[in-house]
PDB file of all heavy atoms in Angstrom:
ATOM      1  N   GLU A   1     168.955 202.097  36.230  1.00  0.00           N
ATOM      2  CA  GLU A   1     170.206 201.788  35.542  1.00  0.00           C
ATOM      3  C   GLU A   1     171.121 200.871  36.339  1.00  0.00           C
ATOM      4  O   GLU A   1     172.028 200.255  35.775  1.00  0.00           O
ATOM      5  CB  GLU A   1     170.941 203.083  35.202  1.00  0.00           C
ATOM      6  CG  GLU A   1     170.160 203.998  34.255  1.00  0.00           C
ATOM      7  CD  GLU A   1     170.900 205.275  33.943  1.00  0.00           C
ATOM      8  OE1 GLU A   1     171.936 205.530  34.605  1.00  0.00           O
ATOM      9  OE2 GLU A   1     170.454 206.024  33.056  1.00  0.00           O
ATOM     10  N   GLU A   2     170.917 200.802  37.652  1.00  0.00           N
ATOM     11  CA  GLU A   2     171.812 200.011  38.504  1.00  0.00           C
ATOM     12  C   GLU A   2     171.125 198.707  38.896  1.00  0.00           C
ATOM     13  O   GLU A   2     170.175 198.696  39.685  1.00  0.00           O
ATOM     14  CB  GLU A   2     172.194 200.811  39.749  1.00  0.00           C
ATOM     15  CG  GLU A   2     173.349 200.200  40.514  1.00  0.00           C
ATOM     16  CD  GLU A   2     173.842 201.105  41.634  1.00  0.00           C
ATOM     17  OE1 GLU A   2     173.410 202.287  41.691  1.00  0.00           O
ATOM     18  OE2 GLU A   2     174.648 200.631  42.452  1.00  0.00           O
ATOM     19  N   VAL A   3     171.581 197.603  38.312  1.00  0.00           N
ATOM     20  CA  VAL A   3     171.003 196.286  38.568  1.00  0.00           C
ATOM     21  C   VAL A   3     172.135 195.345  38.955  1.00  0.00           C
ATOM     22  O   VAL A   3     173.143 195.251  38.242  1.00  0.00           O
ATOM     23  CB  VAL A   3     170.260 195.734  37.334  1.00  0.00           C
ATOM     24  CG1 VAL A   3     169.636 194.377  37.651  1.00  0.00           C
ATOM     25  CG2 VAL A   3     169.183 196.717  36.858  1.00  0.00           C
ATOM     26  N   TRP A   4     171.965 194.648  40.072  1.00  0.00           N
ATOM     27  CA  TRP A   4     172.977 193.703  40.542  1.00  0.00           C
ATOM     28  C   TRP A   4     172.499 192.276  40.323  1.00  0.00           C
ATOM     29  O   TRP A   4     171.359 191.941  40.651  1.00  0.00           O
ATOM     30  CB  TRP A   4     173.249 193.907  42.027  1.00  0.00           C
ATOM     31  CG  TRP A   4     173.792 195.256  42.399  1.00  0.00           C
ATOM     32  CD1 TRP A   4     174.138 196.280  41.560  1.00  0.00           C
ATOM     33  CD2 TRP A   4     174.052 195.725  43.732  1.00  0.00           C
ATOM     34  NE1 TRP A   4     174.600 197.364  42.276  1.00  0.00           N
ATOM     35  CE2 TRP A   4     174.555 197.052  43.619  1.00  0.00           C
ATOM     36  CE3 TRP A   4     173.910 195.171  44.996  1.00  0.00           C
ATOM     37  CZ2 TRP A   4     174.904 197.805  44.729  1.00  0.00           C
ATOM     38  CZ3 TRP A   4     174.258 195.923  46.115  1.00  0.00           C
ATOM     39  CH2 TRP A   4     174.764 197.227  45.971  1.00  0.00           C
ATOM     40  N   ALA A   5     173.376 191.439  39.782  1.00  0.00           N
ATOM     41  CA  ALA A   5     173.059 190.031  39.562  1.00  0.00           C
ATOM     42  C   ALA A   5     173.408 189.246  40.824  1.00  0.00           C
ATOM     43  O   ALA A   5     174.420 188.541  40.897  1.00  0.00           O
ATOM     44  CB  ALA A   5     173.826 189.497  38.358  1.00  0.00           C
ATOM     45  N   VAL A   6     172.572 189.400  41.818  1.00  0.00           N
ATOM     46  CA  VAL A   6     172.795 188.726  43.103  1.00  0.00           C
ATOM     47  C   VAL A   6     171.437 188.512  43.761  1.00  0.00           C
ATOM     48  O   VAL A   6     170.552 189.361  43.681  1.00  0.00           O
ATOM     49  CB  VAL A   6     173.743 189.554  44.011  1.00  0.00           C
ATOM     50  CG1 VAL A   6     173.173 190.944  44.283  1.00  0.00           C
ATOM     51  CG2 VAL A   6     174.032 188.829  45.319  1.00  0.00           C
ATOM     52  N   GLY A   7     171.263 187.346  44.368  1.00  0.00           N
ATOM     53  CA  GLY A   7     169.974 187.027  44.981  1.00  0.00           C
ATOM     54  C   GLY A   7     170.129 186.483  46.384  1.00  0.00           C
ATOM     55  O   GLY A   7     171.235 186.407  46.935  1.00  0.00           O
ATOM     56  N   GLY A   8     169.005 186.094  46.972  1.00  0.00           N
ATOM     57  CA  GLY A   8     169.011 185.476  48.281  1.00  0.00           C
ATOM     58  C   GLY A   8     169.447 186.395  49.398  1.00  0.00           C
ATOM     59  O   GLY A   8     169.506 187.623  49.255  1.00  0.00           O
ATOM     60  N   GLY A   9     169.794 185.784  50.524  1.00  0.00           N
ATOM     61  CA  GLY A   9     170.240 186.555  51.682  1.00  0.00           C
ATOM     62  C   GLY A   9     171.495 187.352  51.414  1.00  0.00           C
ATOM     63  O   GLY A   9     171.699 188.431  51.987  1.00  0.00           O
ATOM     64  N   GLN A  10     172.342 186.853  50.483  1.00  0.00           N
ATOM     65  CA  GLN A  10     173.580 187.579  50.161  1.00  0.00           C
ATOM     66  C   GLN A  10     173.285 188.902  49.476  1.00  0.00           C
ATOM     67  O   GLN A  10     174.032 189.881  49.628  1.00  0.00           O
ATOM     68  CB  GLN A  10     174.513 186.710  49.313  1.00  0.00           C
ATOM     69  CG  GLN A  10     174.008 186.325  47.943  1.00  0.00           C
ATOM     70  CD  GLN A  10     173.237 185.002  47.937  1.00  0.00           C
ATOM     71  OE1 GLN A  10     172.657 184.607  48.941  1.00  0.00           O
ATOM     72  NE2 GLN A  10     173.253 184.321  46.798  1.00  0.00           N
ATOM     73  N   ALA A  11     172.185 188.971  48.721  1.00  0.00           N
ATOM     74  CA  ALA A  11     171.809 190.237  48.074  1.00  0.00           C
ATOM     75  C   ALA A  11     171.396 191.266  49.117  1.00  0.00           C
ATOM     76  O   ALA A  11     171.767 192.443  49.024  1.00  0.00           O
ATOM     77  CB  ALA A  11     170.665 189.997  47.089  1.00  0.00           C
ATOM     78  N   ILE A  12     170.629 190.819  50.104  1.00  0.00           N
ATOM     79  CA  ILE A  12     170.184 191.729  51.161  1.00  0.00           C
ATOM     80  C   ILE A  12     171.390 192.271  51.926  1.00  0.00           C
ATOM     81  O   ILE A  12     171.490 193.478  52.196  1.00  0.00           O
ATOM     82  CB  ILE A  12     169.213 191.005  52.119  1.00  0.00           C
ATOM     83  CG1 ILE A  12     168.009 190.439  51.352  1.00  0.00           C
ATOM     84  CG2 ILE A  12     168.773 191.941  53.229  1.00  0.00           C
ATOM     85  CD1 ILE A  12     167.205 191.447  50.578  1.00  0.00           C
ATOM     86  N   ALA A  13     172.324 191.384  52.249  1.00  0.00           N
ATOM     87  CA  ALA A  13     173.516 191.811  52.991  1.00  0.00           C
ATOM     88  C   ALA A  13     174.362 192.770  52.168  1.00  0.00           C
ATOM     89  O   ALA A  13     174.874 193.775  52.688  1.00  0.00           O
ATOM     90  CB  ALA A  13     174.334 190.583  53.389  1.00  0.00           C
ATOM     91  N   LEU A  14     174.524 192.487  50.877  1.00  0.00           N
ATOM     92  CA  LEU A  14     175.354 193.346  50.037  1.00  0.00           C
ATOM     93  C   LEU A  14     174.724 194.722  49.863  1.00  0.00           C
ATOM     94  O   LEU A  14     175.428 195.736  49.866  1.00  0.00           O
ATOM     95  CB  LEU A  14     175.584 192.690  48.678  1.00  0.00           C
ATOM     96  CG  LEU A  14     176.619 193.369  47.777  1.00  0.00           C
ATOM     97  CD1 LEU A  14     177.998 193.407  48.444  1.00  0.00           C
ATOM     98  CD2 LEU A  14     176.712 192.663  46.428  1.00  0.00           C
ATOM     99  N   MET A  15     173.387 194.776  49.725  1.00  0.00           N
ATOM    100  CA  MET A  15     172.737 196.083  49.626  1.00  0.00           C
ATOM    101  C   MET A  15     172.876 196.855  50.927  1.00  0.00           C
ATOM    102  O   MET A  15     172.993 198.083  50.925  1.00  0.00           O
ATOM    103  CB  MET A  15     171.262 195.915  49.241  1.00  0.00           C
ATOM    104  CG  MET A  15     171.053 195.515  47.789  1.00  0.00           C
ATOM    105  SD  MET A  15     169.333 195.675  47.219  1.00  0.00           S
ATOM    106  CE  MET A  15     168.559 194.294  48.064  1.00  0.00           C
ATOM    107  N   ALA A  16     172.870 196.148  52.057  1.00  0.00           N
ATOM    108  CA  ALA A  16     172.965 196.822  53.354  1.00  0.00           C
ATOM    109  C   ALA A  16     174.368 197.371  53.612  1.00  0.00           C
ATOM    110  O   ALA A  16     174.524 198.472  54.147  1.00  0.00           O
ATOM    111  CB  ALA A  16     172.562 195.856  54.470  1.00  0.00           C
ATOM    112  N   TYR A  17     175.407 196.612  53.220  1.00  0.00           N
ATOM    113  CA  TYR A  17     176.769 196.988  53.585  1.00  0.00           C
ATOM    114  C   TYR A  17     177.593 197.528  52.415  1.00  0.00           C
ATOM    115  O   TYR A  17     178.572 198.252  52.625  1.00  0.00           O
ATOM    116  CB  TYR A  17     177.489 195.792  54.213  1.00  0.00           C
ATOM    117  CG  TYR A  17     176.909 195.416  55.554  1.00  0.00           C
ATOM    118  CD1 TYR A  17     176.095 194.295  55.691  1.00  0.00           C
ATOM    119  CD2 TYR A  17     177.140 196.197  56.679  1.00  0.00           C
ATOM    120  CE1 TYR A  17     175.545 193.948  56.914  1.00  0.00           C
ATOM    121  CE2 TYR A  17     176.595 195.867  57.916  1.00  0.00           C
ATOM    122  CZ  TYR A  17     175.793 194.740  58.023  1.00  0.00           C
ATOM    123  OH  TYR A  17     175.245 194.409  59.234  1.00  0.00           O
ATOM    124  N   GLY A  18     177.205 197.169  51.176  1.00  0.00           N
ATOM    125  CA  GLY A  18     177.924 197.651  50.012  1.00  0.00           C
ATOM    126  C   GLY A  18     179.346 197.122  49.931  1.00  0.00           C
ATOM    127  O   GLY A  18     179.772 196.261  50.704  1.00  0.00           O
ATOM    128  N   ASP A  19     180.097 197.644  48.965  1.00  0.00           N
ATOM    129  CA  ASP A  19     181.496 197.262  48.774  1.00  0.00           C
ATOM    130  C   ASP A  19     182.178 198.408  48.039  1.00  0.00           C
ATOM    131  O   ASP A  19     181.981 198.592  46.831  1.00  0.00           O
ATOM    132  CB  ASP A  19     181.588 195.964  47.971  1.00  0.00           C
ATOM    133  CG  ASP A  19     183.021 195.451  47.825  1.00  0.00           C
ATOM    134  OD1 ASP A  19     183.964 196.276  47.904  1.00  0.00           O
ATOM    135  OD2 ASP A  19     183.201 194.236  47.630  1.00  0.00           O
ATOM    136  N   ASP A  20     182.974 199.198  48.752  1.00  0.00           N
ATOM    137  CA  ASP A  20     183.633 200.368  48.155  1.00  0.00           C
ATOM    138  C   ASP A  20     184.573 199.969  47.024  1.00  0.00           C
ATOM    139  O   ASP A  20     184.630 200.632  45.985  1.00  0.00           O
ATOM    140  CB  ASP A  20     184.398 201.149  49.217  1.00  0.00           C
ATOM    141  CG  ASP A  20     183.471 201.864  50.191  1.00  0.00           C
ATOM    142  OD1 ASP A  20     182.328 202.145  49.793  1.00  0.00           O
ATOM    143  OD2 ASP A  20     183.892 202.129  51.322  1.00  0.00           O
ATOM    144  N   ASP A  21     185.321 198.862  47.213  1.00  0.00           N
ATOM    145  CA  ASP A  21     186.291 198.446  46.196  1.00  0.00           C
ATOM    146  C   ASP A  21     185.595 198.038  44.897  1.00  0.00           C
ATOM    147  O   ASP A  21     186.135 198.239  43.809  1.00  0.00           O
ATOM    148  CB  ASP A  21     187.134 197.277  46.723  1.00  0.00           C
ATOM    149  CG  ASP A  21     188.037 197.696  47.873  1.00  0.00           C
ATOM    150  OD1 ASP A  21     188.378 198.900  47.945  1.00  0.00           O
ATOM    151  OD2 ASP A  21     188.392 196.834  48.701  1.00  0.00           O
ATOM    152  N   ALA A  22     184.402 197.467  45.019  1.00  0.00           N
ATOM    153  CA  ALA A  22     183.652 197.055  43.829  1.00  0.00           C
ATOM    154  C   ALA A  22     182.735 198.166  43.329  1.00  0.00           C
ATOM    155  O   ALA A  22     181.970 197.957  42.386  1.00  0.00           O
ATOM    156  CB  ALA A  22     182.827 195.801  44.146  1.00  0.00           C
ATOM    157  N   GLU A  23     182.804 199.327  43.961  1.00  0.00           N
ATOM    158  CA  GLU A  23     181.979 200.493  43.606  1.00  0.00           C
ATOM    159  C   GLU A  23     180.491 200.168  43.689  1.00  0.00           C
ATOM    160  O   GLU A  23     179.706 200.525  42.813  1.00  0.00           O
ATOM    161  CB  GLU A  23     182.349 201.010  42.201  1.00  0.00           C
ATOM    162  CG  GLU A  23     183.786 201.501  42.118  1.00  0.00           C
ATOM    163  CD  GLU A  23     184.125 202.106  40.759  1.00  0.00           C
ATOM    164  OE1 GLU A  23     183.334 201.907  39.818  1.00  0.00           O
ATOM    165  OE2 GLU A  23     185.174 202.772  40.655  1.00  0.00           O
ATOM    166  N   LEU A  24     180.132 199.466  44.758  1.00  0.00           N
ATOM    167  CA  LEU A  24     178.732 199.141  45.032  1.00  0.00           C
ATOM    168  C   LEU A  24     178.334 199.864  46.316  1.00  0.00           C
ATOM    169  O   LEU A  24     178.679 199.433  47.420  1.00  0.00           O
ATOM    170  CB  LEU A  24     178.543 197.628  45.190  1.00  0.00           C
ATOM    171  CG  LEU A  24     178.988 196.762  43.995  1.00  0.00           C
ATOM    172  CD1 LEU A  24     178.905 195.288  44.361  1.00  0.00           C
ATOM    173  CD2 LEU A  24     178.141 197.056  42.766  1.00  0.00           C
ATOM    174  N   ALA A  25     177.645 200.974  46.170  1.00  0.00           N
ATOM    175  CA  ALA A  25     177.287 201.777  47.338  1.00  0.00           C
ATOM    176  C   ALA A  25     176.145 201.120  48.108  1.00  0.00           C
ATOM    177  O   ALA A  25     175.200 200.589  47.500  1.00  0.00           O
ATOM    178  CB  ALA A  25     176.869 203.175  46.895  1.00  0.00           C
ATOM    179  N   PRO A  26     176.192 201.132  49.434  1.00  0.00           N
ATOM    180  CA  PRO A  26     175.085 200.582  50.216  1.00  0.00           C
ATOM    181  C   PRO A  26     173.839 201.444  50.090  1.00  0.00           C
ATOM    182  O   PRO A  26     173.906 202.608  49.678  1.00  0.00           O
ATOM    183  CB  PRO A  26     175.629 200.594  51.647  1.00  0.00           C
ATOM    184  CG  PRO A  26     176.641 201.697  51.655  1.00  0.00           C
ATOM    185  CD  PRO A  26     177.253 201.689  50.285  1.00  0.00           C
ATOM    186  N   VAL A  27     172.706 200.876  50.466  1.00  0.00           N
ATOM    187  CA  VAL A  27     171.435 201.588  50.373  1.00  0.00           C
ATOM    188  C   VAL A  27     170.986 202.024  51.767  1.00  0.00           C
ATOM    189  O   VAL A  27     171.581 201.640  52.780  1.00  0.00           O
ATOM    190  CB  VAL A  27     170.352 200.704  49.711  1.00  0.00           C
ATOM    191  CG1 VAL A  27     170.812 200.244  48.329  1.00  0.00           C
ATOM    192  CG2 VAL A  27     170.001 199.508  50.596  1.00  0.00           C
ATOM    193  N   ASP A  28     169.932 202.803  51.807  1.00  0.00           N
ATOM    194  CA  ASP A  28     169.378 203.271  53.085  1.00  0.00           C
ATOM    195  C   ASP A  28     168.146 202.474  53.503  1.00  0.00           C
ATOM    196  O   ASP A  28     167.784 202.448  54.671  1.00  0.00           O
ATOM    197  CB  ASP A  28     168.997 204.750  52.966  1.00  0.00           C
ATOM    198  CG  ASP A  28     170.183 205.609  52.564  1.00  0.00           C
ATOM    199  OD1 ASP A  28     171.236 205.488  53.220  1.00  0.00           O
ATOM    200  OD2 ASP A  28     170.067 206.373  51.595  1.00  0.00           O
ATOM    201  N   MET A  29     167.490 201.839  52.505  1.00  0.00           N
ATOM    202  CA  MET A  29     166.300 201.052  52.800  1.00  0.00           C
ATOM    203  C   MET A  29     166.197 199.926  51.783  1.00  0.00           C
ATOM    204  O   MET A  29     166.582 200.096  50.616  1.00  0.00           O
ATOM    205  CB  MET A  29     165.037 201.910  52.752  1.00  0.00           C
ATOM    206  CG  MET A  29     163.768 201.170  53.124  1.00  0.00           C
ATOM    207  SD  MET A  29     162.339 202.267  53.271  1.00  0.00           S
ATOM    208  CE  MET A  29     161.120 201.103  53.887  1.00  0.00           C
ATOM    209  N   ILE A  30     165.690 198.768  52.222  1.00  0.00           N
ATOM    210  CA  ILE A  30     165.520 197.614  51.338  1.00  0.00           C
ATOM    211  C   ILE A  30     164.055 197.206  51.332  1.00  0.00           C
ATOM    212  O   ILE A  30     163.427 197.057  52.391  1.00  0.00           O
ATOM    213  CB  ILE A  30     166.382 196.425  51.796  1.00  0.00           C
ATOM    214  CG1 ILE A  30     167.871 196.790  51.754  1.00  0.00           C
ATOM    215  CG2 ILE A  30     166.114 195.195  50.936  1.00  0.00           C
ATOM    216  CD1 ILE A  30     168.785 195.746  52.360  1.00  0.00           C
ATOM    217  N   THR A  31     163.505 197.030  50.125  1.00  0.00           N
ATOM    218  CA  THR A  31     162.123 196.566  50.002  1.00  0.00           C
ATOM    219  C   THR A  31     162.076 195.404  49.022  1.00  0.00           C
ATOM    220  O   THR A  31     163.029 195.159  48.275  1.00  0.00           O
ATOM    221  CB  THR A  31     161.189 197.680  49.487  1.00  0.00           C
ATOM    222  OG1 THR A  31     161.471 197.924  48.100  1.00  0.00           O
ATOM    223  CG2 THR A  31     161.367 198.969  50.261  1.00  0.00           C
ATOM    224  N   GLY A  32     160.951 194.701  49.014  1.00  0.00           N
ATOM    225  CA  GLY A  32     160.736 193.650  48.022  1.00  0.00           C
ATOM    226  C   GLY A  32     160.563 192.281  48.651  1.00  0.00           C
ATOM    227  O   GLY A  32     161.128 191.988  49.703  1.00  0.00           O
ATOM    228  N   PRO A  33     159.791 191.422  47.980  1.00  0.00           N
ATOM    229  CA  PRO A  33     159.492 190.085  48.512  1.00  0.00           C
ATOM    230  C   PRO A  33     160.649 189.119  48.300  1.00  0.00           C
ATOM    231  O   PRO A  33     161.567 189.383  47.521  1.00  0.00           O
ATOM    232  CB  PRO A  33     158.279 189.660  47.687  1.00  0.00           C
ATOM    233  CG  PRO A  33     158.493 190.326  46.367  1.00  0.00           C
ATOM    234  CD  PRO A  33     159.121 191.662  46.691  1.00  0.00           C
ATOM    235  N   GLY A  34     160.585 188.001  48.996  1.00  0.00           N
ATOM    236  CA  GLY A  34     161.609 186.970  48.825  1.00  0.00           C
ATOM    237  C   GLY A  34     161.263 185.766  49.667  1.00  0.00           C
ATOM    238  O   GLY A  34     160.262 185.762  50.397  1.00  0.00           O
ATOM    239  N   ASN A  35     162.097 184.740  49.591  1.00  0.00           N
ATOM    240  CA  ASN A  35     161.826 183.530  50.369  1.00  0.00           C
ATOM    241  C   ASN A  35     162.206 183.734  51.839  1.00  0.00           C
ATOM    242  O   ASN A  35     162.577 184.836  52.262  1.00  0.00           O
ATOM    243  CB  ASN A  35     162.550 182.323  49.762  1.00  0.00           C
ATOM    244  CG  ASN A  35     164.066 182.492  49.757  1.00  0.00           C
ATOM    245  OD1 ASN A  35     164.630 183.268  50.529  1.00  0.00           O
ATOM    246  ND2 ASN A  35     164.733 181.766  48.878  1.00  0.00           N
ATOM    247  N   ILE A  36     162.134 182.665  52.602  1.00  0.00           N
ATOM    248  CA  ILE A  36     162.344 182.766  54.050  1.00  0.00           C
ATOM    249  C   ILE A  36     163.772 183.197  54.381  1.00  0.00           C
ATOM    250  O   ILE A  36     164.023 183.870  55.388  1.00  0.00           O
ATOM    251  CB  ILE A  36     161.994 181.413  54.724  1.00  0.00           C
ATOM    252  CG1 ILE A  36     161.911 181.588  56.244  1.00  0.00           C
ATOM    253  CG2 ILE A  36     162.974 180.325  54.325  1.00  0.00           C
ATOM    254  CD1 ILE A  36     161.325 180.376  56.950  1.00  0.00           C
ATOM    255  N   PHE A  37     164.740 182.875  53.515  1.00  0.00           N
ATOM    256  CA  PHE A  37     166.134 183.256  53.753  1.00  0.00           C
ATOM    257  C   PHE A  37     166.344 184.750  53.493  1.00  0.00           C
ATOM    258  O   PHE A  37     167.102 185.412  54.204  1.00  0.00           O
ATOM    259  CB  PHE A  37     167.057 182.411  52.877  1.00  0.00           C
ATOM    260  CG  PHE A  37     166.940 180.936  53.153  1.00  0.00           C
ATOM    261  CD1 PHE A  37     166.215 180.114  52.310  1.00  0.00           C
ATOM    262  CD2 PHE A  37     167.526 180.385  54.277  1.00  0.00           C
ATOM    263  CE1 PHE A  37     166.081 178.762  52.574  1.00  0.00           C
ATOM    264  CE2 PHE A  37     167.411 179.029  54.563  1.00  0.00           C
ATOM    265  CZ  PHE A  37     166.678 178.221  53.702  1.00  0.00           C
ATOM    266  N   VAL A  38     165.649 185.266  52.486  1.00  0.00           N
ATOM    267  CA  VAL A  38     165.678 186.712  52.234  1.00  0.00           C
ATOM    268  C   VAL A  38     165.066 187.456  53.417  1.00  0.00           C
ATOM    269  O   VAL A  38     165.600 188.468  53.882  1.00  0.00           O
ATOM    270  CB  VAL A  38     164.916 187.035  50.931  1.00  0.00           C
ATOM    271  CG1 VAL A  38     164.672 188.533  50.798  1.00  0.00           C
ATOM    272  CG2 VAL A  38     165.681 186.521  49.721  1.00  0.00           C
ATOM    273  N   THR A  39     163.944 186.937  53.908  1.00  0.00           N
ATOM    274  CA  THR A  39     163.273 187.568  55.048  1.00  0.00           C
ATOM    275  C   THR A  39     164.154 187.541  56.291  1.00  0.00           C
ATOM    276  O   THR A  39     164.239 188.527  57.031  1.00  0.00           O
ATOM    277  CB  THR A  39     161.935 186.859  55.319  1.00  0.00           C
ATOM    278  OG1 THR A  39     161.133 186.893  54.139  1.00  0.00           O
ATOM    279  CG2 THR A  39     161.188 187.528  56.456  1.00  0.00           C
ATOM    280  N   ALA A  40     164.833 186.420  56.517  1.00  0.00           N
ATOM    281  CA  ALA A  40     165.726 186.319  57.669  1.00  0.00           C
ATOM    282  C   ALA A  40     166.883 187.307  57.555  1.00  0.00           C
ATOM    283  O   ALA A  40     167.290 187.933  58.542  1.00  0.00           O
ATOM    284  CB  ALA A  40     166.253 184.893  57.794  1.00  0.00           C
ATOM    285  N   ALA A  41     167.413 187.463  56.352  1.00  0.00           N
ATOM    286  CA  ALA A  41     168.509 188.421  56.144  1.00  0.00           C
ATOM    287  C   ALA A  41     168.048 189.847  56.404  1.00  0.00           C
ATOM    288  O   ALA A  41     168.775 190.652  56.996  1.00  0.00           O
ATOM    289  CB  ALA A  41     169.058 188.287  54.719  1.00  0.00           C
ATOM    290  N   LYS A  42     166.821 190.160  55.980  1.00  0.00           N
ATOM    291  CA  LYS A  42     166.282 191.497  56.269  1.00  0.00           C
ATOM    292  C   LYS A  42     166.202 191.729  57.778  1.00  0.00           C
ATOM    293  O   LYS A  42     166.503 192.820  58.266  1.00  0.00           O
ATOM    294  CB  LYS A  42     164.877 191.644  55.670  1.00  0.00           C
ATOM    295  CG  LYS A  42     164.829 191.912  54.190  1.00  0.00           C
ATOM    296  CD  LYS A  42     163.380 192.163  53.809  1.00  0.00           C
ATOM    297  CE  LYS A  42     163.194 192.354  52.326  1.00  0.00           C
ATOM    298  NZ  LYS A  42     161.785 192.564  51.979  1.00  0.00           N
TER     299      LYS A  42
END
């Protein structure tokens, strides 16, 4: 039910740190493929 319209390295960072004001809770683990910028962010 929870889908975020965000990609790239910024998506990885947002999942890692979240945003309390935007009610986006951070996660404990990140999985999934991506380009070299996604990999660098991981």
